[in-house]
Each structure stands twice: as structure tokens, then as C-alpha cells.
Amino acid sequence: MWKIVCLCSVAVLMAFFEVPSLLKKGWLKELSIFLFLLCIGMGLIITRILQVELPNPLKGILYIYEPAGKWIMKILS
């Protein structure tokens, strides 16, 4: 639990230092991307701390491209 609290504290500190300068410059797209990536990173790290098993993205890629590869090999042979 303390790891998650420390992690959230670090994320808040990062946002505290970065957000005002992005707002001051008027970079709203960069601000939204920064916050999106910060949230995604926080979510992944929290799942790692809680030892949640995440699916491997390579399995999804293989699920999509393996039949296409077999079809192309069948055509070319």
C-alpha cells in the first residue's frame, strides 16, 4: 500500500512541476498527452505493484497476423 501512496505522490509532484509551464505556454495538446501518458504509466505500475497478470500484447498481434501470413504463404507456394 505504501508503494502506491509513494507512487501517487511522485506523480502529483511531476504534474505539479510540469502542468503550470504547459498551461503558461498554451500547449494544451501537449498537456493532454502528458496527462494521458502519466495516467497510463501509473496504471501499469500499480498493476505491477499489485501483481496483476497482464496479457501479452504479442499474442493479440499473432492472432491477427498469423492467419494472414499463412494465407500469403499459401498463395505464393
Protein backbone atom coordinates (compact mmCIF):
# COMPACT_ATOMS: atom_id res chain seq x y z
CA MET A 1 0.00 0.00 0.00
CA TRP A 2 2.83 2.38 0.83
CA LYS A 3 4.35 1.82 -2.58
CA ILE A 4 1.17 3.01 -4.25
CA VAL A 5 0.96 6.06 -1.99
CA CYS A 6 4.58 6.96 -2.77
CA LEU A 7 3.99 6.43 -6.47
CA CYS A 8 0.94 8.69 -6.44
CA SER A 9 2.93 11.32 -4.55
CA VAL A 10 5.65 11.25 -7.19
CA ALA A 11 3.07 11.55 -9.97
CA VAL A 12 1.43 14.52 -8.26
CA LEU A 13 4.83 16.19 -7.87
CA MET A 14 5.59 15.61 -11.54
CA ALA A 15 2.26 17.11 -12.53
CA PHE A 16 2.79 20.00 -10.09
CA PHE A 17 6.01 20.98 -11.84
CA GLU A 18 5.00 20.29 -15.44
CA VAL A 19 1.37 21.39 -15.76
CA PRO A 20 1.80 25.11 -14.95
CA SER A 21 4.53 25.59 -17.54
CA LEU A 22 2.48 23.79 -20.20
CA LEU A 23 -0.57 25.91 -19.39
CA LYS A 24 1.51 29.09 -19.39
CA LYS A 25 2.80 28.31 -22.88
CA GLY A 26 -0.69 27.40 -24.08
CA TRP A 27 0.31 23.89 -25.06
CA LEU A 28 -3.00 22.15 -24.41
CA LYS A 29 -2.36 19.20 -26.73
CA GLU A 30 0.97 18.51 -25.05
CA LEU A 31 -0.70 18.81 -21.65
CA SER A 32 -3.36 16.28 -22.59
CA ILE A 33 -0.74 13.87 -23.92
CA PHE A 34 1.37 14.33 -20.78
CA LEU A 35 -1.60 13.59 -18.52
CA PHE A 36 -2.70 10.64 -20.65
CA LEU A 37 0.76 9.04 -20.58
CA LEU A 38 1.12 9.76 -16.87
CA CYS A 39 -2.19 8.00 -16.17
CA ILE A 40 -1.30 5.03 -18.37
CA GLY A 41 2.09 4.70 -16.70
CA MET A 42 0.58 4.98 -13.25
CA GLY A 43 -1.98 2.32 -14.08
CA LEU A 44 0.65 -0.07 -15.38
CA ILE A 45 2.92 0.44 -12.39
CA ILE A 46 0.04 -0.01 -9.94
CA THR A 47 -0.96 -3.27 -11.63
CA ARG A 48 2.66 -4.36 -11.39
CA ILE A 49 2.77 -3.49 -7.66
CA LEU A 50 -0.47 -5.42 -7.05
CA GLN A 51 0.99 -8.34 -9.07
CA VAL A 52 -1.88 -8.45 -11.54
CA GLU A 53 -1.12 -10.65 -14.54
CA LEU A 54 -1.40 -8.55 -17.70
CA PRO A 55 -1.91 -10.16 -21.11
CA ASN A 56 1.00 -10.17 -23.52
CA PRO A 57 0.26 -7.85 -26.48
CA LEU A 58 2.26 -10.14 -28.77
CA LYS A 59 -0.49 -12.77 -28.52
CA GLY A 60 -3.00 -10.33 -29.99
CA ILE A 61 -0.64 -9.41 -32.81
CA LEU A 62 -0.05 -13.08 -33.61
CA TYR A 63 -3.80 -13.73 -33.52
CA ILE A 64 -4.29 -11.11 -36.22
CA TYR A 65 -1.25 -11.63 -38.44
CA GLU A 66 -0.68 -15.40 -38.27
CA PRO A 67 -3.70 -16.32 -40.43
CA ALA A 68 -2.77 -13.57 -42.90
CA GLY A 69 0.78 -14.90 -43.11
CA LYS A 70 -0.44 -18.43 -43.69
CA TRP A 71 -2.79 -17.18 -46.41
CA ILE A 72 0.04 -15.31 -48.16
CA MET A 73 2.36 -18.34 -47.93
CA LYS A 74 -0.41 -20.50 -49.41
CA ILE A 75 -0.79 -18.09 -52.36
CA LEU A 76 2.95 -17.83 -53.00
CA SER A 77 3.69 -21.57 -52.85
